[in-house]
PDB file of N, CA and C in Angstrom:
ATOM      1  N   MET A   1      70.041  61.439 -20.706  1.00  0.00           N
ATOM      2  CA  MET A   1      68.784  61.615 -21.406  1.00  0.00           C
ATOM      3  C   MET A   1      67.847  62.521 -20.595  1.00  0.00           C
ATOM      4  N   ASN A   2      66.936  63.101 -21.277  1.00  0.00           N
ATOM      5  CA  ASN A   2      65.943  63.948 -20.646  1.00  0.00           C
ATOM      6  C   ASN A   2      64.971  63.064 -19.859  1.00  0.00           C
ATOM      7  N   GLU A   3      64.575  63.511 -18.685  1.00  0.00           N
ATOM      8  CA  GLU A   3      63.677  62.695 -17.868  1.00  0.00           C
ATOM      9  C   GLU A   3      62.257  62.645 -18.419  1.00  0.00           C
ATOM     10  N   HIS A   4      61.917  63.498 -19.397  1.00  0.00           N
ATOM     11  CA  HIS A   4      60.564  63.533 -19.953  1.00  0.00           C
ATOM     12  C   HIS A   4      60.417  62.677 -21.210  1.00  0.00           C
ATOM     13  N   GLY A   5      61.521  62.300 -21.816  1.00  0.00           N
ATOM     14  CA  GLY A   5      61.436  61.528 -23.037  1.00  0.00           C
ATOM     15  C   GLY A   5      62.801  61.123 -23.534  1.00  0.00           C
ATOM     16  N   GLU A   6      62.802  60.461 -24.666  1.00  0.00           N
ATOM     17  CA  GLU A   6      64.055  59.956 -25.212  1.00  0.00           C
ATOM     18  C   GLU A   6      64.152  60.292 -26.696  1.00  0.00           C
ATOM     19  N   MET A   7      65.336  60.726 -27.111  1.00  0.00           N
ATOM     20  CA  MET A   7      65.598  61.041 -28.510  1.00  0.00           C
ATOM     21  C   MET A   7      66.347  59.870 -29.140  1.00  0.00           C
ATOM     22  N   THR A   8      65.910  59.476 -30.325  1.00  0.00           N
ATOM     23  CA  THR A   8      66.619  58.473 -31.101  1.00  0.00           C
ATOM     24  C   THR A   8      66.865  59.059 -32.486  1.00  0.00           C
ATOM     25  N   ASN A   9      67.686  58.380 -33.283  1.00  0.00           N
ATOM     26  CA  ASN A   9      67.980  58.920 -34.603  1.00  0.00           C
ATOM     27  C   ASN A   9      68.246  57.815 -35.613  1.00  0.00           C
ATOM     28  N   GLN A  10      68.230  58.233 -36.856  1.00  0.00           N
ATOM     29  CA  GLN A  10      68.470  57.338 -37.990  1.00  0.00           C
ATOM     30  C   GLN A  10      69.807  57.643 -38.667  1.00  0.00           C
ATOM     31  N   LEU A  11      70.731  58.261 -37.951  1.00  0.00           N
ATOM     32  CA  LEU A  11      71.991  58.669 -38.567  1.00  0.00           C
ATOM     33  C   LEU A  11      72.762  57.516 -39.211  1.00  0.00           C
ATOM     34  N   PRO A  12      72.932  56.370 -38.536  1.00  0.00           N
ATOM     35  CA  PRO A  12      73.686  55.292 -39.189  1.00  0.00           C
ATOM     36  C   PRO A  12      73.036  54.826 -40.494  1.00  0.00           C
ATOM     37  N   VAL A  13      71.715  54.762 -40.505  1.00  0.00           N
ATOM     38  CA  VAL A  13      70.977  54.332 -41.699  1.00  0.00           C
ATOM     39  C   VAL A  13      71.157  55.348 -42.830  1.00  0.00           C
ATOM     40  N   LEU A  14      71.015  56.623 -42.498  1.00  0.00           N
ATOM     41  CA  LEU A  14      71.151  57.672 -43.506  1.00  0.00           C
ATOM     42  C   LEU A  14      72.585  57.761 -44.020  1.00  0.00           C
ATOM     43  N   ARG A  15      73.555  57.595 -43.134  1.00  0.00           N
ATOM     44  CA  ARG A  15      74.962  57.613 -43.565  1.00  0.00           C
ATOM     45  C   ARG A  15      75.227  56.491 -44.559  1.00  0.00           C
ATOM     46  N   ALA A  16      74.751  55.288 -44.222  1.00  0.00           N
ATOM     47  CA  ALA A  16      74.967  54.133 -45.096  1.00  0.00           C
ATOM     48  C   ALA A  16      74.298  54.344 -46.459  1.00  0.00           C
ATOM     49  N   LYS A  17      73.103  54.884 -46.435  1.00  0.00           N
ATOM     50  CA  LYS A  17      72.349  55.130 -47.665  1.00  0.00           C
ATOM     51  C   LYS A  17      73.100  56.087 -48.592  1.00  0.00           C
ATOM     52  N   HIS A  18      73.808  57.080 -47.995  1.00  0.00           N
ATOM     53  CA  HIS A  18      74.536  58.070 -48.773  1.00  0.00           C
ATOM     54  C   HIS A  18      76.010  57.710 -48.965  1.00  0.00           C
ATOM     55  N   GLY A  19      76.451  56.610 -48.340  1.00  0.00           N
ATOM     56  CA  GLY A  19      77.839  56.196 -48.479  1.00  0.00           C
ATOM     57  C   GLY A  19      78.824  57.078 -47.725  1.00  0.00           C
ATOM     58  N   TYR A  20      78.369  57.719 -46.638  1.00  0.00           N
ATOM     59  CA  TYR A  20      79.224  58.600 -45.848  1.00  0.00           C
ATOM     60  C   TYR A  20      79.775  57.875 -44.619  1.00  0.00           C
ATOM     61  N   SER A  21      81.016  58.176 -44.280  1.00  0.00           N
ATOM     62  CA  SER A  21      81.577  57.729 -43.002  1.00  0.00           C
ATOM     63  C   SER A  21      81.194  58.758 -41.931  1.00  0.00           C
ATOM     64  N   GLN A  22      81.425  58.408 -40.675  1.00  0.00           N
ATOM     65  CA  GLN A  22      81.186  59.394 -39.607  1.00  0.00           C
ATOM     66  C   GLN A  22      82.042  60.629 -39.846  1.00  0.00           C
ATOM     67  N   LYS A  23      83.276  60.418 -40.290  1.00  0.00           N
ATOM     68  CA  LYS A  23      84.182  61.545 -40.552  1.00  0.00           C
ATOM     69  C   LYS A  23      83.641  62.427 -41.673  1.00  0.00           C
ATOM     70  N   ASP A  24      83.109  61.817 -42.742  1.00  0.00           N
ATOM     71  CA  ASP A  24      82.525  62.588 -43.848  1.00  0.00           C
ATOM     72  C   ASP A  24      81.412  63.502 -43.345  1.00  0.00           C
ATOM     73  N   VAL A  25      80.501  62.929 -42.568  1.00  0.00           N
ATOM     74  CA  VAL A  25      79.363  63.705 -42.050  1.00  0.00           C
ATOM     75  C   VAL A  25      79.874  64.823 -41.150  1.00  0.00           C
ATOM     76  N   ALA A  26      80.800  64.494 -40.268  1.00  0.00           N
ATOM     77  CA  ALA A  26      81.345  65.487 -39.340  1.00  0.00           C
ATOM     78  C   ALA A  26      81.945  66.671 -40.092  1.00  0.00           C
ATOM     79  N   GLU A  27      82.738  66.379 -41.120  1.00  0.00           N
ATOM     80  CA  GLU A  27      83.365  67.451 -41.901  1.00  0.00           C
ATOM     81  C   GLU A  27      82.330  68.306 -42.619  1.00  0.00           C
ATOM     82  N   LYS A  28      81.287  67.676 -43.128  1.00  0.00           N
ATOM     83  CA  LYS A  28      80.269  68.408 -43.880  1.00  0.00           C
ATOM     84  C   LYS A  28      79.441  69.345 -42.998  1.00  0.00           C
ATOM     85  N   VAL A  29      79.270  68.995 -41.715  1.00  0.00           N
ATOM     86  CA  VAL A  29      78.468  69.852 -40.831  1.00  0.00           C
ATOM     87  C   VAL A  29      79.315  70.596 -39.801  1.00  0.00           C
ATOM     88  N   GLY A  30      80.633  70.428 -39.848  1.00  0.00           N
ATOM     89  CA  GLY A  30      81.528  71.232 -39.012  1.00  0.00           C
ATOM     90  C   GLY A  30      81.614  70.812 -37.552  1.00  0.00           C
ATOM     91  N   VAL A  31      81.544  69.500 -37.293  1.00  0.00           N
ATOM     92  CA  VAL A  31      81.716  68.997 -35.930  1.00  0.00           C
ATOM     93  C   VAL A  31      82.770  67.889 -35.960  1.00  0.00           C
ATOM     94  N   SER A  32      83.114  67.356 -34.797  1.00  0.00           N
ATOM     95  CA  SER A  32      84.091  66.267 -34.745  1.00  0.00           C
ATOM     96  C   SER A  32      83.431  64.929 -35.061  1.00  0.00           C
ATOM     97  N   ARG A  33      84.246  63.952 -35.479  1.00  0.00           N
ATOM     98  CA  ARG A  33      83.739  62.606 -35.711  1.00  0.00           C
ATOM     99  C   ARG A  33      83.162  62.033 -34.427  1.00  0.00           C
ATOM    100  N   GLN A  34      83.791  62.399 -33.290  1.00  0.00           N
ATOM    101  CA  GLN A  34      83.304  61.915 -31.998  1.00  0.00           C
ATOM    102  C   GLN A  34      81.890  62.418 -31.708  1.00  0.00           C
ATOM    103  N   THR A  35      81.584  63.631 -32.140  1.00  0.00           N
ATOM    104  CA  THR A  35      80.226  64.166 -31.959  1.00  0.00           C
ATOM    105  C   THR A  35      79.221  63.317 -32.727  1.00  0.00           C
ATOM    106  N   ILE A  36      79.553  62.973 -33.959  1.00  0.00           N
ATOM    107  CA  ILE A  36      78.654  62.141 -34.762  1.00  0.00           C
ATOM    108  C   ILE A  36      78.500  60.769 -34.112  1.00  0.00           C
ATOM    109  N   ALA A  37      79.600  60.187 -33.646  1.00  0.00           N
ATOM    110  CA  ALA A  37      79.546  58.876 -32.976  1.00  0.00           C
ATOM    111  C   ALA A  37      78.655  58.944 -31.738  1.00  0.00           C
ATOM    112  N   SER A  38      78.785  60.014 -30.949  1.00  0.00           N
ATOM    113  CA  SER A  38      77.959  60.175 -29.745  1.00  0.00           C
ATOM    114  C   SER A  38      76.489  60.341 -30.096  1.00  0.00           C
ATOM    115  N   LEU A  39      76.209  61.084 -31.152  1.00  0.00           N
ATOM    116  CA  LEU A  39      74.823  61.237 -31.602  1.00  0.00           C
ATOM    117  C   LEU A  39      74.241  59.890 -31.982  1.00  0.00           C
ATOM    118  N   GLU A  40      74.999  59.108 -32.738  1.00  0.00           N
ATOM    119  CA  GLU A  40      74.502  57.808 -33.195  1.00  0.00           C
ATOM    120  C   GLU A  40      74.220  56.859 -32.039  1.00  0.00           C
ATOM    121  N   LYS A  41      74.968  56.991 -30.961  1.00  0.00           N
ATOM    122  CA  LYS A  41      74.776  56.128 -29.780  1.00  0.00           C
ATOM    123  C   LYS A  41      73.755  56.709 -28.799  1.00  0.00           C
ATOM    124  N   ASN A  42      73.113  57.821 -29.194  1.00  0.00           N
ATOM    125  CA  ASN A  42      72.132  58.516 -28.349  1.00  0.00           C
ATOM    126  C   ASN A  42      72.740  58.953 -27.018  1.00  0.00           C
ATOM    127  N   LYS A  43      74.028  59.288 -27.014  1.00  0.00           N
ATOM    128  CA  LYS A  43      74.694  59.775 -25.811  1.00  0.00           C
ATOM    129  C   LYS A  43      74.750  61.300 -25.785  1.00  0.00           C
ATOM    130  N   TYR A  44      74.302  61.923 -26.866  1.00  0.00           N
ATOM    131  CA  TYR A  44      74.392  63.371 -27.007  1.00  0.00           C
ATOM    132  C   TYR A  44      73.214  63.838 -27.839  1.00  0.00           C
ATOM    133  N   ASN A  45      72.544  64.883 -27.389  1.00  0.00           N
ATOM    134  CA  ASN A  45      71.464  65.475 -28.173  1.00  0.00           C
ATOM    135  C   ASN A  45      72.015  66.679 -28.923  1.00  0.00           C
ATOM    136  N   PRO A  46      71.721  66.786 -30.206  1.00  0.00           N
ATOM    137  CA  PRO A  46      72.270  67.879 -31.008  1.00  0.00           C
ATOM    138  C   PRO A  46      71.601  69.209 -30.698  1.00  0.00           C
ATOM    139  N   SER A  47      72.315  70.277 -31.011  1.00  0.00           N
ATOM    140  CA  SER A  47      71.680  71.598 -30.995  1.00  0.00           C
ATOM    141  C   SER A  47      70.653  71.604 -32.120  1.00  0.00           C
ATOM    142  N   LEU A  48      69.731  72.520 -32.053  1.00  0.00           N
ATOM    143  CA  LEU A  48      68.719  72.623 -33.104  1.00  0.00           C
ATOM    144  C   LEU A  48      69.390  72.917 -34.444  1.00  0.00           C
ATOM    145  N   LYS A  49      70.395  73.769 -34.429  1.00  0.00           N
ATOM    146  CA  LYS A  49      71.127  74.114 -35.650  1.00  0.00           C
ATOM    147  C   LYS A  49      71.776  72.865 -36.256  1.00  0.00           C
ATOM    148  N   LEU A  50      72.462  72.074 -35.446  1.00  0.00           N
ATOM    149  CA  LEU A  50      73.114  70.863 -35.939  1.00  0.00           C
ATOM    150  C   LEU A  50      72.079  69.868 -36.466  1.00  0.00           C
ATOM    151  N   ALA A  51      70.967  69.727 -35.770  1.00  0.00           N
ATOM    152  CA  ALA A  51      69.913  68.809 -36.221  1.00  0.00           C
ATOM    153  C   ALA A  51      69.420  69.204 -37.610  1.00  0.00           C
ATOM    154  N   PHE A  52      69.180  70.502 -37.824  1.00  0.00           N
ATOM    155  CA  PHE A  52      68.722  70.961 -39.134  1.00  0.00           C
ATOM    156  C   PHE A  52      69.802  70.780 -40.191  1.00  0.00           C
ATOM    157  N   GLU A  53      71.071  71.034 -39.835  1.00  0.00           N
ATOM    158  CA  GLU A  53      72.160  70.850 -40.791  1.00  0.00           C
ATOM    159  C   GLU A  53      72.255  69.391 -41.240  1.00  0.00           C
ATOM    160  N   LEU A  54      72.066  68.467 -40.307  1.00  0.00           N
ATOM    161  CA  LEU A  54      72.096  67.044 -40.657  1.00  0.00           C
ATOM    162  C   LEU A  54      70.925  66.682 -41.568  1.00  0.00           C
ATOM    163  N   ALA A  55      69.742  67.196 -41.265  1.00  0.00           N
ATOM    164  CA  ALA A  55      68.582  66.927 -42.121  1.00  0.00           C
ATOM    165  C   ALA A  55      68.808  67.477 -43.530  1.00  0.00           C
ATOM    166  N   LEU A  56      69.379  68.673 -43.621  1.00  0.00           N
ATOM    167  CA  LEU A  56      69.669  69.257 -44.937  1.00  0.00           C
ATOM    168  C   LEU A  56      70.721  68.443 -45.682  1.00  0.00           C
ATOM    169  N   LEU A  57      71.735  67.986 -44.971  1.00  0.00           N
ATOM    170  CA  LEU A  57      72.781  67.182 -45.587  1.00  0.00           C
ATOM    171  C   LEU A  57      72.191  65.927 -46.232  1.00  0.00           C
ATOM    172  N   PHE A  58      71.291  65.255 -45.520  1.00  0.00           N
ATOM    173  CA  PHE A  58      70.700  64.020 -46.023  1.00  0.00           C
ATOM    174  C   PHE A  58      69.457  64.260 -46.880  1.00  0.00           C
ATOM    175  N   GLU A  59      69.074  65.539 -47.026  1.00  0.00           N
ATOM    176  CA  GLU A  59      67.929  65.944 -47.846  1.00  0.00           C
ATOM    177  C   GLU A  59      66.642  65.257 -47.411  1.00  0.00           C
ATOM    178  N   VAL A  60      66.415  65.271 -46.084  1.00  0.00           N
ATOM    179  CA  VAL A  60      65.196  64.696 -45.500  1.00  0.00           C
ATOM    180  C   VAL A  60      64.636  65.670 -44.473  1.00  0.00           C
ATOM    181  N   ASP A  61      63.405  65.412 -44.049  1.00  0.00           N
ATOM    182  CA  ASP A  61      62.806  66.211 -42.980  1.00  0.00           C
ATOM    183  C   ASP A  61      63.484  65.890 -41.658  1.00  0.00           C
ATOM    184  N   LEU A  62      63.455  66.837 -40.758  1.00  0.00           N
ATOM    185  CA  LEU A  62      64.075  66.680 -39.443  1.00  0.00           C
ATOM    186  C   LEU A  62      63.588  65.409 -38.738  1.00  0.00           C
ATOM    187  N   GLN A  63      62.277  65.122 -38.837  1.00  0.00           N
ATOM    188  CA  GLN A  63      61.714  63.938 -38.178  1.00  0.00           C
ATOM    189  C   GLN A  63      62.203  62.631 -38.784  1.00  0.00           C
ATOM    190  N   GLU A  64      62.753  62.677 -39.981  1.00  0.00           N
ATOM    191  CA  GLU A  64      63.314  61.465 -40.578  1.00  0.00           C
ATOM    192  C   GLU A  64      64.703  61.176 -40.029  1.00  0.00           C
ATOM    193  N   VAL A  65      65.332  62.173 -39.418  1.00  0.00           N
ATOM    194  CA  VAL A  65      66.651  61.989 -38.804  1.00  0.00           C
ATOM    195  C   VAL A  65      66.499  61.707 -37.315  1.00  0.00           C
ATOM    196  N   PHE A  66      65.720  62.551 -36.639  1.00  0.00           N
ATOM    197  CA  PHE A  66      65.569  62.449 -35.180  1.00  0.00           C
ATOM    198  C   PHE A  66      64.120  62.208 -34.800  1.00  0.00           C
ATOM    199  N   GLN A  67      63.938  61.318 -33.820  1.00  0.00           N
ATOM    200  CA  GLN A  67      62.607  61.043 -33.284  1.00  0.00           C
ATOM    201  C   GLN A  67      62.662  61.273 -31.781  1.00  0.00           C
ATOM    202  N   TYR A  68      61.568  61.787 -31.251  1.00  0.00           N
ATOM    203  CA  TYR A  68      61.489  62.038 -29.816  1.00  0.00           C
ATOM    204  C   TYR A  68      60.286  61.302 -29.266  1.00  0.00           C
ATOM    205  N   GLN A  69      60.515  60.455 -28.274  1.00  0.00           N
ATOM    206  CA  GLN A  69      59.454  59.651 -27.649  1.00  0.00           C
ATOM    207  C   GLN A  69      59.211  60.145 -26.236  1.00  0.00           C
ATOM    208  N   MET A  70      58.001  60.586 -25.959  1.00  0.00           N
ATOM    209  CA  MET A  70      57.660  60.999 -24.594  1.00  0.00           C
ATOM    210  C   MET A  70      57.512  59.753 -23.718  1.00  0.00           C
ATOM    211  N   LYS A  71      57.960  59.869 -22.476  1.00  0.00           N
ATOM    212  CA  LYS A  71      57.795  58.760 -21.541  1.00  0.00           C
ATOM    213  C   LYS A  71      56.451  58.907 -20.837  1.00  0.00           C
ATOM    214  N   GLU A  72      55.867  57.784 -20.518  1.00  0.00           N
ATOM    215  CA  GLU A  72      54.597  57.777 -19.782  1.00  0.00           C
ATOM    216  C   GLU A  72      54.844  58.252 -18.355  1.00  0.00           C
ATOM    217  N   GLU A  73      53.981  59.115 -17.865  1.00  0.00           N
ATOM    218  CA  GLU A  73      54.064  59.552 -16.469  1.00  0.00           C
ATOM    219  C   GLU A  73      53.505  58.451 -15.569  1.00  0.00           C
ATOM    220  N   SER A  74      54.218  58.146 -14.484  1.00  0.00           N
ATOM    221  CA  SER A  74      53.710  57.077 -13.608  1.00  0.00           C
ATOM    222  C   SER A  74      53.045  57.637 -12.373  1.00  0.00           C
TER     223      SER A  74
END
Protein backbone atom coordinates (compact mmCIF):
# COMPACT_ATOMS: atom_id res chain seq x y z
CA MET A 1 0.00 0.00 0.00
CA ASN A 2 0.99 3.59 -0.46
CA GLU A 3 2.42 5.16 2.69
CA HIS A 4 0.22 8.27 2.20
CA GLY A 5 -3.13 6.53 2.05
CA GLU A 6 -5.11 3.43 1.32
CA MET A 7 -7.23 2.42 -1.67
CA THR A 8 -10.35 0.32 -1.20
CA ASN A 9 -12.95 -0.81 -3.69
CA GLN A 10 -16.49 -2.03 -4.19
CA LEU A 11 -15.66 -4.64 -6.84
CA PRO A 12 -17.21 -7.65 -5.05
CA VAL A 13 -20.43 -5.70 -4.44
CA LEU A 14 -20.62 -4.45 -8.03
CA ARG A 15 -19.84 -7.91 -9.43
CA ALA A 16 -22.62 -9.47 -7.35
CA LYS A 17 -25.07 -6.75 -8.37
CA HIS A 18 -24.36 -7.47 -12.06
CA GLY A 19 -24.12 -11.25 -11.65
CA TYR A 20 -20.50 -11.38 -12.87
CA SER A 21 -17.81 -13.80 -11.72
CA GLN A 22 -14.22 -12.63 -11.33
CA LYS A 23 -13.50 -14.42 -14.61
CA ASP A 24 -16.36 -12.57 -16.37
CA VAL A 25 -15.02 -9.19 -15.25
CA ALA A 26 -11.45 -10.12 -16.15
CA GLU A 27 -12.45 -11.16 -19.67
CA LYS A 28 -14.51 -8.01 -20.21
CA VAL A 29 -11.62 -5.68 -19.28
CA GLY A 30 -8.76 -7.79 -20.67
CA VAL A 31 -6.91 -8.84 -17.51
CA SER A 32 -6.45 -12.13 -15.66
CA ARG A 33 -8.88 -13.43 -13.04
CA GLN A 34 -5.98 -13.24 -10.59
CA THR A 35 -5.71 -9.49 -11.23
CA ILE A 36 -9.38 -9.03 -10.33
CA ALA A 37 -8.93 -11.20 -7.21
CA SER A 38 -5.90 -9.12 -6.15
CA LEU A 39 -7.81 -5.88 -6.70
CA GLU A 40 -10.70 -7.13 -4.57
CA LYS A 41 -8.31 -8.01 -1.74
CA ASN A 42 -6.66 -4.55 -2.00
CA LYS A 43 -3.32 -6.24 -2.78
CA TYR A 44 -2.97 -4.44 -6.11
CA ASN A 45 -3.80 -0.92 -7.25
CA PRO A 46 -5.14 -0.69 -10.80
CA SER A 47 -3.74 1.46 -13.56
CA LEU A 48 -5.85 4.51 -14.26
CA LYS A 49 -6.95 2.92 -17.55
CA LEU A 50 -8.09 -0.29 -15.81
CA ALA A 51 -9.90 1.70 -13.10
CA PHE A 52 -11.86 3.62 -15.74
CA GLU A 53 -12.60 0.43 -17.71
CA LEU A 54 -14.05 -1.16 -14.57
CA ALA A 55 -16.18 1.92 -13.85
CA LEU A 56 -17.47 1.87 -17.44
CA LEU A 57 -18.20 -1.85 -17.23
CA PHE A 58 -20.35 -1.36 -14.13
CA GLU A 59 -21.79 1.92 -15.49
CA VAL A 60 -20.85 3.90 -12.37
CA ASP A 61 -18.53 6.78 -11.52
CA LEU A 62 -14.93 5.94 -10.72
CA GLN A 63 -15.46 6.91 -7.05
CA GLU A 64 -18.24 4.33 -6.78
CA VAL A 65 -15.71 1.60 -7.62
CA PHE A 66 -12.56 2.88 -5.90
CA GLN A 67 -12.12 4.99 -2.78
CA TYR A 68 -8.90 6.52 -1.54
CA GLN A 69 -8.42 7.38 2.14
CA MET A 70 -5.57 9.66 3.15
CA LYS A 71 -3.76 8.65 6.32
CA GLU A 72 -3.32 11.15 9.12
CA GLU A 73 0.21 12.50 9.44
CA SER A 74 1.65 11.82 12.89
